[in-house]
């Protein structure tokens, strides 16, 4: 399985994050890093993950998905640091 970083911006008022977040949580491993930034693990490609999550975005929203190398550094993230260390 590969590690990915997913970040998004839902533009405009009244956006519903629940469906997007629920879909992110269906991946085998995930962590909520910052408000609109998630770590996840998957056998899928960046494009496949992006295309899947696009189903939960509007045309004016943005998303970025990148495969991680395993090297990372962080400070004051929302999830537990040990979880990231164990799963990157």
PDB file of N, CA and C in Angstrom:
ATOM      1  N   UNK A   1       0.827  -1.177   0.000  1.00  0.00           N
ATOM      2  CA  UNK A   1       0.000   0.000   0.000  1.00  0.00           C
ATOM      3  C   UNK A   1       0.876   1.247   0.000  1.00  0.00           C
ATOM      4  N   UNK A   2       0.377   2.295  -0.623  1.00  0.00           N
ATOM      5  CA  UNK A   2       1.103   3.553  -0.715  1.00  0.00           C
ATOM      6  C   UNK A   2       0.491   4.581   0.234  1.00  0.00           C
ATOM      7  N   UNK A   3       1.301   5.559   0.618  1.00  0.00           N
ATOM      8  CA  UNK A   3       0.845   6.661   1.455  1.00  0.00           C
ATOM      9  C   UNK A   3       0.572   7.881   0.587  1.00  0.00           C
ATOM     10  N   UNK A   4      -0.496   8.620   0.919  1.00  0.00           N
ATOM     11  CA  UNK A   4      -0.890   9.793   0.155  1.00  0.00           C
ATOM     12  C   UNK A   4      -1.230  10.947   1.088  1.00  0.00           C
ATOM     13  N   UNK A   5      -1.097  12.141   0.556  1.00  0.00           N
ATOM     14  CA  UNK A   5      -1.588  13.344   1.211  1.00  0.00           C
ATOM     15  C   UNK A   5      -2.705  13.875   0.333  1.00  0.00           C
ATOM     16  N   UNK A   6      -3.820  14.225   0.943  1.00  0.00           N
ATOM     17  CA  UNK A   6      -4.967  14.779   0.230  1.00  0.00           C
ATOM     18  C   UNK A   6      -5.313  16.107   0.885  1.00  0.00           C
ATOM     19  N   UNK A   7      -5.414  17.140   0.077  1.00  0.00           N
ATOM     20  CA  UNK A   7      -5.830  18.439   0.579  1.00  0.00           C
ATOM     21  C   UNK A   7      -6.882  19.002  -0.363  1.00  0.00           C
ATOM     22  N   UNK A   8      -7.815  19.756   0.186  1.00  0.00           N
ATOM     23  CA  UNK A   8      -8.913  20.272  -0.624  1.00  0.00           C
ATOM     24  C   UNK A   8      -9.387  21.611  -0.091  1.00  0.00           C
ATOM     25  N   UNK A   9     -10.066  22.355  -0.944  1.00  0.00           N
ATOM     26  CA  UNK A   9     -10.775  23.575  -0.574  1.00  0.00           C
ATOM     27  C   UNK A   9     -12.169  23.472  -1.157  1.00  0.00           C
ATOM     28  N   UNK A  10     -13.155  23.546  -0.284  1.00  0.00           N
ATOM     29  CA  UNK A  10     -14.538  23.595  -0.735  1.00  0.00           C
ATOM     30  C   UNK A  10     -14.932  25.062  -0.716  1.00  0.00           C
ATOM     31  N   UNK A  11     -15.159  25.624  -1.888  1.00  0.00           N
ATOM     32  CA  UNK A  11     -15.386  27.061  -2.044  1.00  0.00           C
ATOM     33  C   UNK A  11     -16.863  27.408  -1.899  1.00  0.00           C
ATOM     34  N   UNK A  12     -17.130  28.591  -1.404  1.00  0.00           N
ATOM     35  CA  UNK A  12     -18.501  29.059  -1.240  1.00  0.00           C
ATOM     36  C   UNK A  12     -19.059  28.714   0.123  1.00  0.00           C
ATOM     37  N   UNK A  13     -20.211  29.279   0.399  1.00  0.00           N
ATOM     38  CA  UNK A  13     -20.866  29.069   1.688  1.00  0.00           C
ATOM     39  C   UNK A  13     -21.719  27.808   1.670  1.00  0.00           C
ATOM     40  N   UNK A  14     -21.915  27.244   2.827  1.00  0.00           N
ATOM     41  CA  UNK A  14     -22.828  26.129   2.972  1.00  0.00           C
ATOM     42  C   UNK A  14     -22.330  24.807   2.417  1.00  0.00           C
ATOM     43  N   UNK A  15     -21.041  24.645   2.248  1.00  0.00           N
ATOM     44  CA  UNK A  15     -20.504  23.387   1.736  1.00  0.00           C
ATOM     45  C   UNK A  15     -20.668  22.297   2.783  1.00  0.00           C
ATOM     46  N   UNK A  16     -20.953  21.107   2.312  1.00  0.00           N
ATOM     47  CA  UNK A  16     -21.130  19.963   3.209  1.00  0.00           C
ATOM     48  C   UNK A  16     -19.892  19.082   3.126  1.00  0.00           C
ATOM     49  N   UNK A  17     -19.156  19.061   4.193  1.00  0.00           N
ATOM     50  CA  UNK A  17     -17.922  18.289   4.265  1.00  0.00           C
ATOM     51  C   UNK A  17     -18.160  16.827   4.634  1.00  0.00           C
ATOM     52  N   UNK A  18     -19.308  16.525   5.233  1.00  0.00           N
ATOM     53  CA  UNK A  18     -19.533  15.204   5.817  1.00  0.00           C
ATOM     54  C   UNK A  18     -19.380  14.067   4.811  1.00  0.00           C
ATOM     55  N   UNK A  19     -19.936  14.221   3.611  1.00  0.00           N
ATOM     56  CA  UNK A  19     -19.863  13.140   2.626  1.00  0.00           C
ATOM     57  C   UNK A  19     -18.431  12.909   2.153  1.00  0.00           C
ATOM     58  N   UNK A  20     -17.704  13.999   1.912  1.00  0.00           N
ATOM     59  CA  UNK A  20     -16.304  13.883   1.496  1.00  0.00           C
ATOM     60  C   UNK A  20     -15.481  13.210   2.595  1.00  0.00           C
ATOM     61  N   UNK A  21     -15.650  13.652   3.807  1.00  0.00           N
ATOM     62  CA  UNK A  21     -14.898  13.086   4.930  1.00  0.00           C
ATOM     63  C   UNK A  21     -15.262  11.617   5.142  1.00  0.00           C
ATOM     64  N   UNK A  22     -16.522  11.284   5.022  1.00  0.00           N
ATOM     65  CA  UNK A  22     -16.943   9.885   5.152  1.00  0.00           C
ATOM     66  C   UNK A  22     -16.274   9.017   4.097  1.00  0.00           C
ATOM     67  N   UNK A  23     -16.159   9.537   2.873  1.00  0.00           N
ATOM     68  CA  UNK A  23     -15.509   8.774   1.807  1.00  0.00           C
ATOM     69  C   UNK A  23     -14.014   8.607   2.088  1.00  0.00           C
ATOM     70  N   UNK A  24     -13.351   9.652   2.558  1.00  0.00           N
ATOM     71  CA  UNK A  24     -11.928   9.554   2.910  1.00  0.00           C
ATOM     72  C   UNK A  24     -11.735   8.466   3.969  1.00  0.00           C
ATOM     73  N   UNK A  25     -12.646   8.385   4.900  1.00  0.00           N
ATOM     74  CA  UNK A  25     -12.535   7.412   5.989  1.00  0.00           C
ATOM     75  C   UNK A  25     -12.792   5.977   5.546  1.00  0.00           C
ATOM     76  N   UNK A  26     -13.178   5.763   4.284  1.00  0.00           N
ATOM     77  CA  UNK A  26     -13.351   4.394   3.786  1.00  0.00           C
ATOM     78  C   UNK A  26     -12.027   3.774   3.359  1.00  0.00           C
ATOM     79  N   UNK A  27     -10.980   4.591   3.225  1.00  0.00           N
ATOM     80  CA  UNK A  27      -9.672   4.048   2.846  1.00  0.00           C
ATOM     81  C   UNK A  27      -9.107   3.250   4.020  1.00  0.00           C
ATOM     82  N   UNK A  28      -8.260   2.241   3.735  1.00  0.00           N
ATOM     83  CA  UNK A  28      -7.796   1.325   4.790  1.00  0.00           C
ATOM     84  C   UNK A  28      -7.165   2.000   6.011  1.00  0.00           C
ATOM     85  N   UNK A  29      -6.384   3.022   5.798  1.00  0.00           N
ATOM     86  CA  UNK A  29      -5.781   3.789   6.894  1.00  0.00           C
ATOM     87  C   UNK A  29      -5.893   5.250   6.526  1.00  0.00           C
ATOM     88  N   UNK A  30      -6.185   6.096   7.506  1.00  0.00           N
ATOM     89  CA  UNK A  30      -6.310   7.528   7.262  1.00  0.00           C
ATOM     90  C   UNK A  30      -6.055   8.283   8.561  1.00  0.00           C
ATOM     91  N   UNK A  31      -5.710   9.543   8.415  1.00  0.00           N
ATOM     92  CA  UNK A  31      -5.534  10.435   9.562  1.00  0.00           C
ATOM     93  C   UNK A  31      -5.871  11.847   9.125  1.00  0.00           C
ATOM     94  N   UNK A  32      -6.552  12.567   9.987  1.00  0.00           N
ATOM     95  CA  UNK A  32      -6.908  13.964   9.749  1.00  0.00           C
ATOM     96  C   UNK A  32      -5.752  14.813  10.274  1.00  0.00           C
ATOM     97  N   UNK A  33      -4.975  15.380   9.358  1.00  0.00           N
ATOM     98  CA  UNK A  33      -3.748  16.078   9.731  1.00  0.00           C
ATOM     99  C   UNK A  33      -4.013  17.538  10.103  1.00  0.00           C
ATOM    100  N   UNK A  34      -4.662  18.254   9.216  1.00  0.00           N
ATOM    101  CA  UNK A  34      -5.063  19.643   9.443  1.00  0.00           C
ATOM    102  C   UNK A  34      -6.479  19.800   8.917  1.00  0.00           C
ATOM    103  N   UNK A  35      -7.047  20.969   9.062  1.00  0.00           N
ATOM    104  CA  UNK A  35      -8.465  21.165   8.763  1.00  0.00           C
ATOM    105  C   UNK A  35      -8.907  20.544   7.434  1.00  0.00           C
ATOM    106  N   UNK A  36      -8.198  20.798   6.361  1.00  0.00           N
ATOM    107  CA  UNK A  36      -8.568  20.249   5.050  1.00  0.00           C
ATOM    108  C   UNK A  36      -7.452  19.403   4.461  1.00  0.00           C
ATOM    109  N   UNK A  37      -6.686  18.743   5.333  1.00  0.00           N
ATOM    110  CA  UNK A  37      -5.555  17.920   4.909  1.00  0.00           C
ATOM    111  C   UNK A  37      -5.664  16.556   5.582  1.00  0.00           C
ATOM    112  N   UNK A  38      -5.538  15.501   4.760  1.00  0.00           N
ATOM    113  CA  UNK A  38      -5.655  14.138   5.249  1.00  0.00           C
ATOM    114  C   UNK A  38      -4.487  13.295   4.756  1.00  0.00           C
ATOM    115  N   UNK A  39      -4.100  12.339   5.550  1.00  0.00           N
ATOM    116  CA  UNK A  39      -3.170  11.277   5.171  1.00  0.00           C
ATOM    117  C   UNK A  39      -4.029  10.047   4.933  1.00  0.00           C
ATOM    118  N   UNK A  40      -3.703   9.265   3.911  1.00  0.00           N
ATOM    119  CA  UNK A  40      -4.381   7.992   3.729  1.00  0.00           C
ATOM    120  C   UNK A  40      -3.468   6.987   3.045  1.00  0.00           C
ATOM    121  N   UNK A  41      -3.825   5.718   3.173  1.00  0.00           N
ATOM    122  CA  UNK A  41      -3.095   4.629   2.517  1.00  0.00           C
ATOM    123  C   UNK A  41      -4.051   3.931   1.564  1.00  0.00           C
ATOM    124  N   UNK A  42      -3.506   3.556   0.413  1.00  0.00           N
ATOM    125  CA  UNK A  42      -4.322   2.896  -0.596  1.00  0.00           C
ATOM    126  C   UNK A  42      -3.434   2.215  -1.619  1.00  0.00           C
ATOM    127  N   UNK A  43      -3.987   1.247  -2.322  1.00  0.00           N
ATOM    128  CA  UNK A  43      -3.315   0.633  -3.464  1.00  0.00           C
ATOM    129  C   UNK A  43      -3.637   1.390  -4.755  1.00  0.00           C
ATOM    130  N   UNK A  44      -4.523   2.366  -4.678  1.00  0.00           N
ATOM    131  CA  UNK A  44      -4.924   3.139  -5.851  1.00  0.00           C
ATOM    132  C   UNK A  44      -3.861   4.176  -6.209  1.00  0.00           C
ATOM    133  N   UNK A  45      -3.984   4.743  -7.401  1.00  0.00           N
ATOM    134  CA  UNK A  45      -3.083   5.814  -7.840  1.00  0.00           C
ATOM    135  C   UNK A  45      -3.627   7.171  -7.384  1.00  0.00           C
ATOM    136  N   UNK A  46      -2.807   8.197  -7.504  1.00  0.00           N
ATOM    137  CA  UNK A  46      -3.247   9.566  -7.194  1.00  0.00           C
ATOM    138  C   UNK A  46      -4.481   9.918  -8.015  1.00  0.00           C
ATOM    139  N   UNK A  47      -4.434   9.601  -9.288  1.00  0.00           N
ATOM    140  CA  UNK A  47      -5.545   9.922 -10.188  1.00  0.00           C
ATOM    141  C   UNK A  47      -6.817   9.186  -9.773  1.00  0.00           C
ATOM    142  N   UNK A  48      -6.699   7.916  -9.409  1.00  0.00           N
ATOM    143  CA  UNK A  48      -7.876   7.154  -8.992  1.00  0.00           C
ATOM    144  C   UNK A  48      -8.488   7.718  -7.707  1.00  0.00           C
ATOM    145  N   UNK A  49      -7.644   8.097  -6.761  1.00  0.00           N
ATOM    146  CA  UNK A  49      -8.134   8.690  -5.520  1.00  0.00           C
ATOM    147  C   UNK A  49      -8.805  10.026  -5.815  1.00  0.00           C
ATOM    148  N   UNK A  50      -8.134  10.859  -6.609  1.00  0.00           N
ATOM    149  CA  UNK A  50      -8.710  12.157  -6.984  1.00  0.00           C
ATOM    150  C   UNK A  50     -10.064  11.973  -7.655  1.00  0.00           C
ATOM    151  N   UNK A  51     -10.122  11.083  -8.645  1.00  0.00           N
ATOM    152  CA  UNK A  51     -11.367  10.876  -9.380  1.00  0.00           C
ATOM    153  C   UNK A  51     -12.483  10.385  -8.460  1.00  0.00           C
ATOM    154  N   UNK A  52     -12.161   9.522  -7.521  1.00  0.00           N
ATOM    155  CA  UNK A  52     -13.144   9.048  -6.557  1.00  0.00           C
ATOM    156  C   UNK A  52     -13.664  10.195  -5.698  1.00  0.00           C
ATOM    157  N   UNK A  53     -12.764  11.003  -5.168  1.00  0.00           N
ATOM    158  CA  UNK A  53     -13.169  12.087  -4.273  1.00  0.00           C
ATOM    159  C   UNK A  53     -13.859  13.227  -5.012  1.00  0.00           C
ATOM    160  N   UNK A  54     -13.601  13.356  -6.316  1.00  0.00           N
ATOM    161  CA  UNK A  54     -14.287  14.387  -7.110  1.00  0.00           C
ATOM    162  C   UNK A  54     -15.803  14.199  -7.078  1.00  0.00           C
ATOM    163  N   UNK A  55     -16.261  12.989  -6.835  1.00  0.00           N
ATOM    164  CA  UNK A  55     -17.700  12.734  -6.739  1.00  0.00           C
ATOM    165  C   UNK A  55     -18.355  13.495  -5.595  1.00  0.00           C
ATOM    166  N   UNK A  56     -17.550  14.008  -4.662  1.00  0.00           N
ATOM    167  CA  UNK A  56     -18.069  14.695  -3.485  1.00  0.00           C
ATOM    168  C   UNK A  56     -17.764  16.195  -3.513  1.00  0.00           C
ATOM    169  N   UNK A  57     -17.255  16.685  -4.643  1.00  0.00           N
ATOM    170  CA  UNK A  57     -16.893  18.099  -4.792  1.00  0.00           C
ATOM    171  C   UNK A  57     -17.758  18.763  -5.853  1.00  0.00           C
ATOM    172  N   UNK A  58     -17.896  20.071  -5.754  1.00  0.00           N
ATOM    173  CA  UNK A  58     -18.553  20.863  -6.787  1.00  0.00           C
ATOM    174  C   UNK A  58     -17.507  21.345  -7.781  1.00  0.00           C
ATOM    175  N   UNK A  59     -17.958  21.873  -8.888  1.00  0.00           N
ATOM    176  CA  UNK A  59     -17.058  22.339  -9.952  1.00  0.00           C
ATOM    177  C   UNK A  59     -16.078  23.412  -9.484  1.00  0.00           C
ATOM    178  N   UNK A  60     -16.458  24.235  -8.516  1.00  0.00           N
ATOM    179  CA  UNK A  60     -15.585  25.319  -8.062  1.00  0.00           C
ATOM    180  C   UNK A  60     -14.664  24.916  -6.909  1.00  0.00           C
ATOM    181  N   UNK A  61     -14.754  23.668  -6.455  1.00  0.00           N
ATOM    182  CA  UNK A  61     -13.885  23.175  -5.379  1.00  0.00           C
ATOM    183  C   UNK A  61     -12.561  22.682  -5.960  1.00  0.00           C
ATOM    184  N   UNK A  62     -11.552  22.573  -5.102  1.00  0.00           N
ATOM    185  CA  UNK A  62     -10.246  22.078  -5.557  1.00  0.00           C
ATOM    186  C   UNK A  62      -9.783  20.929  -4.675  1.00  0.00           C
ATOM    187  N   UNK A  63      -8.916  20.085  -5.259  1.00  0.00           N
ATOM    188  CA  UNK A  63      -8.362  18.947  -4.534  1.00  0.00           C
ATOM    189  C   UNK A  63      -6.948  18.682  -5.045  1.00  0.00           C
ATOM    190  N   UNK A  64      -6.084  18.224  -4.152  1.00  0.00           N
ATOM    191  CA  UNK A  64      -4.708  17.868  -4.486  1.00  0.00           C
ATOM    192  C   UNK A  64      -4.410  16.544  -3.815  1.00  0.00           C
ATOM    193  N   UNK A  65      -3.905  15.575  -4.601  1.00  0.00           N
ATOM    194  CA  UNK A  65      -3.541  14.254  -4.078  1.00  0.00           C
ATOM    195  C   UNK A  65      -2.111  13.969  -4.501  1.00  0.00           C
ATOM    196  N   UNK A  66      -1.249  13.600  -3.551  1.00  0.00           N
ATOM    197  CA  UNK A  66       0.145  13.293  -3.866  1.00  0.00           C
ATOM    198  C   UNK A  66       0.579  12.045  -3.118  1.00  0.00           C
ATOM    199  N   UNK A  67       1.380  11.219  -3.790  1.00  0.00           N
ATOM    200  CA  UNK A  67       1.961  10.038  -3.155  1.00  0.00           C
ATOM    201  C   UNK A  67       3.154  10.495  -2.310  1.00  0.00           C
ATOM    202  N   UNK A  68       3.251   9.975  -1.109  1.00  0.00           N
ATOM    203  CA  UNK A  68       4.327  10.336  -0.192  1.00  0.00           C
ATOM    204  C   UNK A  68       5.501   9.380  -0.316  1.00  0.00           C
ATOM    205  N   UNK A  69       6.678   9.878  -0.022  1.00  0.00           N
ATOM    206  CA  UNK A  69       7.895   9.073  -0.097  1.00  0.00           C
ATOM    207  C   UNK A  69       8.178   8.323   1.192  1.00  0.00           C
ATOM    208  N   UNK A  70       7.530   8.688   2.260  1.00  0.00           N
ATOM    209  CA  UNK A  70       7.801   8.102   3.558  1.00  0.00           C
ATOM    210  C   UNK A  70       8.548   9.049   4.466  1.00  0.00           C
ATOM    211  N   UNK A  71       9.105  10.109   3.891  1.00  0.00           N
ATOM    212  CA  UNK A  71       9.799  11.125   4.686  1.00  0.00           C
ATOM    213  C   UNK A  71       8.835  12.267   4.942  1.00  0.00           C
ATOM    214  N   UNK A  72       8.736  12.692   6.198  1.00  0.00           N
ATOM    215  CA  UNK A  72       7.835  13.784   6.546  1.00  0.00           C
ATOM    216  C   UNK A  72       8.254  14.381   7.883  1.00  0.00           C
ATOM    217  N   UNK A  73       7.852  15.603   8.101  1.00  0.00           N
ATOM    218  CA  UNK A  73       8.059  16.272   9.386  1.00  0.00           C
ATOM    219  C   UNK A  73       6.797  17.071   9.671  1.00  0.00           C
ATOM    220  N   UNK A  74       6.449  17.234  10.944  1.00  0.00           N
ATOM    221  CA  UNK A  74       5.225  17.947  11.276  1.00  0.00           C
ATOM    222  C   UNK A  74       5.300  18.529  12.667  1.00  0.00           C
ATOM    223  N   UNK A  75       4.332  19.400  12.961  1.00  0.00           N
ATOM    224  CA  UNK A  75       4.228  20.052  14.264  1.00  0.00           C
ATOM    225  C   UNK A  75       2.762  20.413  14.491  1.00  0.00           C
ATOM    226  N   UNK A  76       2.237  20.076  15.632  1.00  0.00           N
ATOM    227  CA  UNK A  76       0.873  20.438  16.029  1.00  0.00           C
ATOM    228  C   UNK A  76      -0.195  19.984  15.039  1.00  0.00           C
ATOM    229  N   UNK A  77      -0.116  18.752  14.580  1.00  0.00           N
ATOM    230  CA  UNK A  77      -1.149  18.215  13.697  1.00  0.00           C
ATOM    231  C   UNK A  77      -2.335  17.718  14.525  1.00  0.00           C
ATOM    232  N   UNK A  78      -3.466  17.531  13.881  1.00  0.00           N
ATOM    233  CA  UNK A  78      -4.680  17.125  14.587  1.00  0.00           C
ATOM    234  C   UNK A  78      -4.648  15.662  15.030  1.00  0.00           C
ATOM    235  N   UNK A  79      -4.005  14.807  14.254  1.00  0.00           N
ATOM    236  CA  UNK A  79      -3.962  13.383  14.592  1.00  0.00           C
ATOM    237  C   UNK A  79      -2.774  13.096  15.513  1.00  0.00           C
ATOM    238  N   UNK A  80      -2.682  11.880  15.973  1.00  0.00           N
ATOM    239  CA  UNK A  80      -1.580  11.497  16.852  1.00  0.00           C
ATOM    240  C   UNK A  80      -0.300  11.317  16.046  1.00  0.00           C
ATOM    241  N   UNK A  81       0.777  11.896  16.523  1.00  0.00           N
ATOM    242  CA  UNK A  81       2.063  11.792  15.836  1.00  0.00           C
ATOM    243  C   UNK A  81       2.506  10.349  15.684  1.00  0.00           C
ATOM    244  N   UNK A  82       2.272   9.536  16.698  1.00  0.00           N
ATOM    245  CA  UNK A  82       2.700   8.143  16.633  1.00  0.00           C
ATOM    246  C   UNK A  82       1.993   7.399  15.501  1.00  0.00           C
ATOM    247  N   UNK A  83       0.730   7.727  15.246  1.00  0.00           N
ATOM    248  CA  UNK A  83      -0.001   7.094  14.143  1.00  0.00           C
ATOM    249  C   UNK A  83       0.678   7.395  12.818  1.00  0.00           C
ATOM    250  N   UNK A  84       1.064   8.645  12.606  1.00  0.00           N
ATOM    251  CA  UNK A  84       1.773   8.997  11.378  1.00  0.00           C
ATOM    252  C   UNK A  84       3.112   8.273  11.286  1.00  0.00           C
ATOM    253  N   UNK A  85       3.856   8.248  12.380  1.00  0.00           N
ATOM    254  CA  UNK A  85       5.148   7.548  12.370  1.00  0.00           C
ATOM    255  C   UNK A  85       4.970   6.078  12.034  1.00  0.00           C
ATOM    256  N   UNK A  86       3.949   5.454  12.569  1.00  0.00           N
ATOM    257  CA  UNK A  86       3.719   4.029  12.342  1.00  0.00           C
ATOM    258  C   UNK A  86       3.224   3.721  10.929  1.00  0.00           C
ATOM    259  N   UNK A  87       2.577   4.672  10.283  1.00  0.00           N
ATOM    260  CA  UNK A  87       1.907   4.386   9.029  1.00  0.00           C
ATOM    261  C   UNK A  87       2.504   5.054   7.798  1.00  0.00           C
ATOM    262  N   UNK A  88       3.392   6.008   7.947  1.00  0.00           N
ATOM    263  CA  UNK A  88       4.040   6.604   6.788  1.00  0.00           C
ATOM    264  C   UNK A  88       4.927   5.565   6.213  1.00  0.00           C
TER     265      UNK A  88
END
